[in-house]
């Protein structure tokens, strides 16, 4: 089980930041050099790269290029443009601080044998990971559009053993963030928050504050819904917006941009993993149109927030019905 957390390197002085900027310029060119290699493999001739990088940095750039190609889902050759350097323990070492800062990061640069050291300030959410999880050596260096550098560290620990003998289905919604197969709802304030965000000017400080408010709200709601006592079945909503271009009004599209359903799914998976319970993702097709009593499927079974089967008359809240169907598809064979 792994988690990654980001820390600002805001206490690094201008000279150290300049060294990171210089490293990035050359490292980026090395990654893109390897990406364009027609025969790139784990055994690629990194020696062919004549850029001003040491051997270890070239090998790191080669690994990142391979990862970039493997993650590319199109026929186009990918290019590394946004500052991001994935470096192992040879380049990044984290140590406990004994002054007003919490930790120190020692980072290799182009000046071989003379790494820079920069302090790191922890925060409440990260403190428990430093205390209870194992820190993985190395990390990822990132720079935002304002030129500020960050370090992303990875923490790991063994997966807990949990043999939960129950299961729940979760329907992820826009008006109610989560409805479970028992009919309990969580996060009824999500609609108001997304509408609040949609009213803000895009890119404004106010909009960013509401975005953070929504993310924090999602985290709080998921903590309430996933308690480790039940395995979880959820819908796979990754392609929710596919083929919706031109079909949704502009304001609806804006509201859905703030819904963060993918973040909700990630939070549920992470929370389930933390407790050691299973989390199954099932196709969402017809979950709110299928009668859980007789199995009859018809889009007219659902009328807005209400469900009534046209064949047997079974009725209920549409989100609750969907959650029941999700549970059945995920765990019917194990928990009938």
Protein backbone atom coordinates (compact mmCIF):
# COMPACT_ATOMS: atom_id res chain seq x y z
CA UNK A 1 0.00 0.00 0.00
CA UNK A 2 1.49 3.33 -1.08
CA UNK A 3 0.59 7.00 -0.75
CA UNK A 4 2.34 10.02 -2.25
CA UNK A 5 2.45 13.46 -0.63
CA UNK A 6 3.76 16.75 -1.97
CA UNK A 7 5.91 19.23 -0.05
CA UNK A 8 6.89 22.75 -1.07
CA UNK A 9 10.58 23.58 -1.37
CA UNK A 10 9.78 27.21 -0.63
CA UNK A 11 12.67 27.59 1.81
CA UNK A 12 15.31 26.92 -0.85
CA UNK A 13 17.23 30.10 -1.70
CA UNK A 14 17.36 31.57 -5.19
CA UNK A 15 20.71 29.95 -5.97
CA UNK A 16 19.43 26.45 -5.17
CA UNK A 17 16.26 27.04 -7.17
CA UNK A 18 18.40 28.15 -10.11
CA UNK A 19 20.36 24.90 -9.87
CA UNK A 20 17.12 22.91 -10.01
CA UNK A 21 16.01 24.99 -13.02
CA UNK A 22 19.29 24.24 -14.80
CA UNK A 23 19.02 20.52 -14.00
CA UNK A 24 15.48 20.45 -15.35
CA UNK A 25 16.46 22.04 -18.68
CA UNK A 26 19.08 19.38 -19.41
CA UNK A 27 17.12 16.47 -17.88
CA UNK A 28 14.04 17.34 -19.98
CA UNK A 29 16.12 17.31 -23.17
CA UNK A 30 17.56 13.92 -22.20
CA UNK A 31 14.12 12.39 -21.61
CA UNK A 32 12.84 13.72 -24.93
CA UNK A 33 16.01 12.48 -26.66
CA UNK A 34 15.30 8.95 -25.48
CA UNK A 35 11.56 9.20 -26.27
CA UNK A 36 12.40 9.83 -29.94
CA UNK A 37 14.65 6.77 -30.08
CA UNK A 38 12.95 4.32 -32.46
CA UNK A 39 14.37 1.32 -30.58
CA UNK A 40 14.08 2.48 -26.99
CA UNK A 41 14.29 -0.37 -24.47
CA UNK A 42 15.59 -0.96 -20.97
CA UNK A 43 18.94 -1.63 -22.64
CA UNK A 44 18.90 1.52 -24.79
CA UNK A 45 22.27 3.07 -25.47
CA UNK A 46 22.12 5.93 -23.00
CA UNK A 47 25.73 6.63 -23.93
CA UNK A 48 24.43 8.03 -27.23
CA UNK A 49 22.98 10.96 -25.31
CA UNK A 50 25.64 13.68 -25.48
CA UNK A 51 23.91 16.13 -23.16
CA UNK A 52 25.73 17.43 -20.09
CA UNK A 53 24.36 14.87 -17.64
CA UNK A 54 26.17 12.30 -15.57
CA UNK A 55 25.65 8.60 -16.22
CA UNK A 56 23.18 8.14 -13.36
CA UNK A 57 21.03 11.06 -14.49
CA UNK A 58 20.98 9.70 -18.05
CA UNK A 59 19.82 6.33 -16.76
CA UNK A 60 17.06 8.03 -14.75
CA UNK A 61 16.00 10.01 -17.82
CA UNK A 62 15.91 6.79 -19.85
CA UNK A 63 13.60 5.10 -17.30
CA UNK A 64 11.30 8.13 -17.28
CA UNK A 65 11.21 8.14 -21.10
CA UNK A 66 10.20 4.46 -21.13
CA UNK A 67 7.45 5.19 -18.59
CA UNK A 68 6.26 8.15 -20.66
CA UNK A 69 5.95 5.96 -23.75
CA UNK A 70 4.17 3.16 -21.89
CA UNK A 71 1.59 5.58 -20.49
CA UNK A 72 0.92 7.24 -23.86
CA UNK A 73 -2.47 6.17 -25.24
CA UNK A 74 -2.15 7.72 -28.71
CA UNK A 75 0.07 7.17 -31.75
CA UNK A 76 1.70 10.56 -31.26
CA UNK A 77 5.18 10.70 -29.80
CA UNK A 78 4.86 12.16 -26.29
CA UNK A 79 6.99 15.05 -25.12
CA UNK A 80 7.97 15.91 -21.57
CA UNK A 81 7.21 19.61 -21.19
CA UNK A 82 5.92 20.17 -17.66
CA UNK A 83 8.77 20.13 -15.12
CA UNK A 84 8.82 16.67 -13.56
CA UNK A 85 11.87 14.59 -12.66
CA UNK A 86 11.48 11.09 -11.20
CA UNK A 87 14.66 10.38 -9.24
CA UNK A 88 15.64 7.48 -6.99
CA UNK A 89 17.67 7.30 -3.78
CA UNK A 90 20.91 8.09 -5.63
CA UNK A 91 19.67 11.64 -6.20
CA UNK A 92 17.29 12.41 -3.32
CA UNK A 93 17.82 11.70 0.37
CA UNK A 94 15.49 12.83 3.17
CA UNK A 95 16.77 13.33 6.70
CA UNK A 96 15.24 14.42 9.99
CA UNK A 97 16.01 18.01 10.95
CA UNK A 98 17.15 19.11 14.37
CA UNK A 99 16.20 22.78 14.08
CA UNK A 100 13.01 24.73 13.36
CA UNK A 101 12.38 22.76 10.18
CA UNK A 102 11.09 19.18 10.13
CA UNK A 103 13.21 17.50 7.45
CA UNK A 104 16.01 18.20 5.00
CA UNK A 105 16.12 17.10 1.37
CA UNK A 106 19.54 16.52 -0.15
CA UNK A 107 19.22 16.70 -3.95
CA UNK A 108 21.86 16.01 -6.59
CA UNK A 109 22.31 18.59 -9.35
CA UNK A 110 24.51 19.13 -12.41
CA UNK A 111 27.37 20.01 -10.07
CA UNK A 112 28.50 16.45 -9.47
CA UNK A 113 29.48 15.67 -5.91
CA UNK A 114 27.94 18.88 -4.57
CA UNK A 115 24.23 18.25 -3.84
CA UNK A 116 22.04 21.03 -2.54
CA UNK A 117 20.26 20.76 0.81
CA UNK A 118 16.89 22.40 1.35
CA UNK A 119 14.59 22.30 4.38
CA UNK A 120 11.11 20.81 4.30
CA UNK A 121 8.24 21.86 6.52
CA UNK A 122 5.72 19.09 7.20
CA UNK A 123 1.98 19.53 7.82
CA UNK A 124 -0.70 17.78 9.88
CA UNK A 125 -1.84 15.33 7.21
CA UNK A 126 1.76 14.32 6.42
CA UNK A 127 2.88 13.91 10.03
CA UNK A 128 1.03 10.61 10.52
CA UNK A 129 2.73 9.18 7.41
CA UNK A 130 6.16 10.14 8.71
CA UNK A 131 5.27 8.53 12.06
CA UNK A 132 3.45 5.37 11.00
CA UNK A 133 4.50 4.63 7.40
CA UNK A 134 7.85 3.82 5.79
CA UNK A 135 9.36 6.50 3.58
CA UNK A 136 10.43 5.18 0.17
CA UNK A 137 13.82 6.45 -0.91
CA UNK A 138 13.89 8.93 -3.77
CA UNK A 139 11.02 11.08 -5.02
CA UNK A 140 9.69 13.29 -7.78
CA UNK A 141 10.69 16.93 -8.30
CA UNK A 142 7.95 19.17 -9.71
CA UNK A 143 7.76 22.85 -10.66
CA UNK A 144 4.53 24.80 -11.08
CA UNK A 145 3.75 27.62 -13.51
CA UNK A 146 4.96 30.20 -11.00
CA UNK A 147 8.40 28.64 -10.90
CA UNK A 148 8.00 27.11 -7.43
CA UNK A 149 9.59 23.74 -6.80
CA UNK A 150 7.99 20.84 -4.92
CA UNK A 151 9.08 17.36 -3.92
CA UNK A 152 6.68 14.41 -3.99
CA UNK A 153 7.55 11.65 -1.56
CA UNK A 154 6.14 8.13 -1.42
CA UNK A 155 5.20 6.33 1.80
CA UNK A 156 4.35 2.65 2.08
CA UNK A 157 3.21 0.03 4.56
CA UNK A 158 1.86 -3.50 4.47
CA UNK A 159 -1.77 -3.98 3.50
CA UNK A 160 -3.92 -4.74 6.55
CA UNK A 161 -5.78 -8.04 6.62
CA UNK A 162 -9.54 -7.61 6.78
CA UNK A 163 -11.98 -10.41 6.10
CA UNK A 164 -15.17 -8.37 6.03
CA UNK A 165 -18.14 -10.67 5.52
CA UNK A 166 -20.49 -7.97 4.26
CA UNK A 167 -20.60 -5.71 1.23
CA UNK A 168 -22.21 -2.46 0.14
CA UNK A 169 -22.92 -0.93 -3.21
CA UNK A 170 -22.21 2.79 -3.70
CA UNK A 171 -23.93 4.99 -6.25
CA UNK A 172 -21.97 8.21 -6.90
CA UNK A 173 -24.28 11.10 -7.63
CA UNK A 174 -24.41 14.81 -8.34
CA UNK A 175 -27.18 15.70 -5.88
CA UNK A 176 -26.14 13.16 -3.25
CA UNK A 177 -22.47 12.33 -3.45
CA UNK A 178 -22.90 8.75 -2.21
CA UNK A 179 -25.97 6.58 -1.75
CA UNK A 180 -25.36 3.07 -0.43
CA UNK A 181 -27.33 -0.12 -1.03
CA UNK A 182 -28.92 0.18 2.42
CA UNK A 183 -30.49 3.46 1.36
CA UNK A 184 -28.24 5.71 3.44
CA UNK A 185 -27.07 8.94 1.79
CA UNK A 186 -23.83 10.84 2.31
CA UNK A 187 -22.79 14.27 1.04
CA UNK A 188 -26.08 16.00 0.25
CA UNK A 189 -24.20 19.31 0.17
CA UNK A 190 -22.19 18.47 -2.95
CA UNK A 191 -24.72 20.01 -5.37
CA UNK A 192 -24.68 23.36 -3.57
CA UNK A 193 -20.89 23.39 -3.56
CA UNK A 194 -20.56 22.63 -7.29
CA UNK A 195 -23.12 25.33 -8.10
CA UNK A 196 -21.22 27.75 -5.86
CA UNK A 197 -18.00 26.98 -7.76
CA UNK A 198 -19.71 27.38 -11.14
CA UNK A 199 -20.72 30.93 -10.20
CA UNK A 200 -17.11 31.98 -9.59
CA UNK A 201 -14.90 33.39 -12.29
CA UNK A 202 -12.73 30.64 -13.73
CA UNK A 203 -9.15 30.88 -12.52
CA UNK A 204 -9.98 33.34 -9.74
CA UNK A 205 -8.83 32.94 -6.14
CA UNK A 206 -12.45 32.51 -5.09
CA UNK A 207 -12.89 29.62 -7.52
CA UNK A 208 -9.72 27.94 -6.28
CA UNK A 209 -10.92 28.24 -2.69
CA UNK A 210 -14.21 26.54 -3.55
CA UNK A 211 -12.33 23.81 -5.42
CA UNK A 212 -10.36 23.08 -2.27
CA UNK A 213 -13.56 23.22 -0.25
CA UNK A 214 -15.12 20.60 -2.53
CA UNK A 215 -12.05 18.34 -2.29
CA UNK A 216 -12.04 18.56 1.50
CA UNK A 217 -15.79 17.90 1.57
CA UNK A 218 -15.37 14.79 -0.57
CA UNK A 219 -12.66 13.49 1.75
CA UNK A 220 -14.89 14.04 4.79
CA UNK A 221 -17.89 12.33 3.17
CA UNK A 222 -15.88 9.30 2.04
CA UNK A 223 -14.52 8.85 5.58
CA UNK A 224 -18.11 8.66 6.81
CA UNK A 225 -19.18 6.19 4.11
CA UNK A 226 -16.22 3.78 4.16
CA UNK A 227 -15.65 2.46 7.68
CA UNK A 228 -13.90 -0.86 7.00
CA UNK A 229 -16.84 -3.04 8.01
CA UNK A 230 -17.95 -3.86 4.45
CA UNK A 231 -16.42 -4.58 1.07
CA UNK A 232 -17.37 -1.96 -1.51
CA UNK A 233 -18.78 -2.12 -5.03
CA UNK A 234 -18.70 1.10 -7.08
CA UNK A 235 -19.43 2.20 -10.62
CA UNK A 236 -16.63 2.77 -13.06
CA UNK A 237 -17.48 6.33 -14.13
CA UNK A 238 -14.25 7.16 -15.96
CA UNK A 239 -16.01 7.79 -19.27
CA UNK A 240 -19.00 9.69 -17.94
CA UNK A 241 -18.53 12.62 -20.34
CA UNK A 242 -17.85 10.55 -23.47
CA UNK A 243 -20.11 11.49 -26.39
CA UNK A 244 -21.70 14.30 -24.38
CA UNK A 245 -20.18 17.13 -26.43
CA UNK A 246 -22.95 19.48 -27.55
CA UNK A 247 -25.59 17.57 -25.55
CA UNK A 248 -25.11 19.30 -22.21
CA UNK A 249 -25.67 23.00 -21.61
CA UNK A 250 -22.57 25.06 -20.83
CA UNK A 251 -23.60 25.61 -17.21
CA UNK A 252 -24.16 21.86 -16.74
CA UNK A 253 -20.69 21.16 -18.10
CA UNK A 254 -19.22 23.70 -15.66
CA UNK A 255 -21.00 22.12 -12.71
CA UNK A 256 -19.82 18.66 -13.69
CA UNK A 257 -16.25 19.98 -13.88
CA UNK A 258 -16.48 20.63 -10.13
CA UNK A 259 -18.18 17.35 -9.27
CA UNK A 260 -14.81 15.56 -9.03
CA UNK A 261 -16.33 12.09 -9.42
CA UNK A 262 -12.92 10.62 -10.30
CA UNK A 263 -11.52 12.05 -7.06
CA UNK A 264 -14.46 10.53 -5.17
CA UNK A 265 -13.71 7.10 -6.66
CA UNK A 266 -10.02 7.45 -5.80
CA UNK A 267 -10.81 8.45 -2.22
CA UNK A 268 -13.13 5.44 -1.87
CA UNK A 269 -10.47 3.06 -3.25
CA UNK A 270 -7.77 4.54 -1.02
CA UNK A 271 -10.00 4.33 2.05
CA UNK A 272 -10.95 0.73 1.28
CA UNK A 273 -7.27 -0.16 0.82
CA UNK A 274 -6.45 1.50 4.13
CA UNK A 275 -8.91 -0.82 5.90
CA UNK A 276 -7.98 -3.84 3.82
CA UNK A 277 -11.47 -4.34 2.35
CA UNK A 278 -12.06 -5.02 -1.32
CA UNK A 279 -13.31 -2.38 -3.72
CA UNK A 280 -14.79 -3.64 -6.99
CA UNK A 281 -15.59 -1.36 -9.95
CA UNK A 282 -18.45 -2.48 -12.17
CA UNK A 283 -19.82 -1.08 -15.47
CA UNK A 284 -22.47 1.60 -14.80
CA UNK A 285 -24.72 0.62 -17.71
CA UNK A 286 -28.42 0.41 -16.73
CA UNK A 287 -27.76 0.40 -12.97
CA UNK A 288 -30.53 2.96 -12.43
CA UNK A 289 -32.86 1.47 -15.05
CA UNK A 290 -32.84 -2.15 -13.86
CA UNK A 291 -35.38 -3.44 -11.37
CA UNK A 292 -33.54 -5.25 -8.55
CA UNK A 293 -36.70 -7.23 -7.80
CA UNK A 294 -37.56 -8.76 -11.18
CA UNK A 295 -34.60 -7.73 -13.38
CA UNK A 296 -36.69 -5.81 -15.93
CA UNK A 297 -34.67 -3.13 -17.75
CA UNK A 298 -36.27 -0.02 -19.23
CA UNK A 299 -35.10 3.59 -19.23
CA UNK A 300 -38.68 4.60 -18.41
CA UNK A 301 -38.35 2.77 -15.09
CA UNK A 302 -36.51 5.86 -13.88
CA UNK A 303 -38.22 9.23 -13.77
CA UNK A 304 -35.73 11.82 -12.49
CA UNK A 305 -35.05 10.89 -8.83
CA UNK A 306 -37.73 8.20 -8.61
CA UNK A 307 -37.75 4.59 -9.77
CA UNK A 308 -40.80 2.47 -10.50
CA UNK A 309 -40.61 -0.80 -12.39
CA UNK A 310 -43.05 -0.85 -15.30
CA UNK A 311 -43.29 -4.63 -15.04
CA UNK A 312 -43.64 -5.51 -11.34
CA UNK A 313 -44.29 -2.09 -9.77
CA UNK A 314 -41.27 -2.16 -7.44
CA UNK A 315 -40.40 1.43 -6.53
CA UNK A 316 -37.92 3.53 -4.57
CA UNK A 317 -35.29 6.25 -4.74
CA UNK A 318 -33.42 5.95 -8.04
CA UNK A 319 -29.96 6.30 -6.47
CA UNK A 320 -30.79 3.65 -3.86
CA UNK A 321 -31.96 1.30 -6.63
CA UNK A 322 -28.73 1.92 -8.54
CA UNK A 323 -26.66 1.14 -5.43
CA UNK A 324 -28.58 -2.12 -4.94
CA UNK A 325 -27.83 -3.15 -8.53
CA UNK A 326 -24.17 -2.18 -8.12
CA UNK A 327 -23.92 -4.36 -5.02
CA UNK A 328 -25.57 -7.28 -6.82
CA UNK A 329 -23.22 -7.05 -9.80
CA UNK A 330 -20.18 -6.76 -7.59
CA UNK A 331 -20.79 -9.33 -4.88
CA UNK A 332 -23.89 -11.40 -5.67
CA UNK A 333 -21.90 -14.62 -5.81
CA UNK A 334 -20.20 -14.03 -2.45
CA UNK A 335 -22.84 -12.23 -0.40
CA UNK A 336 -26.25 -13.23 -1.83
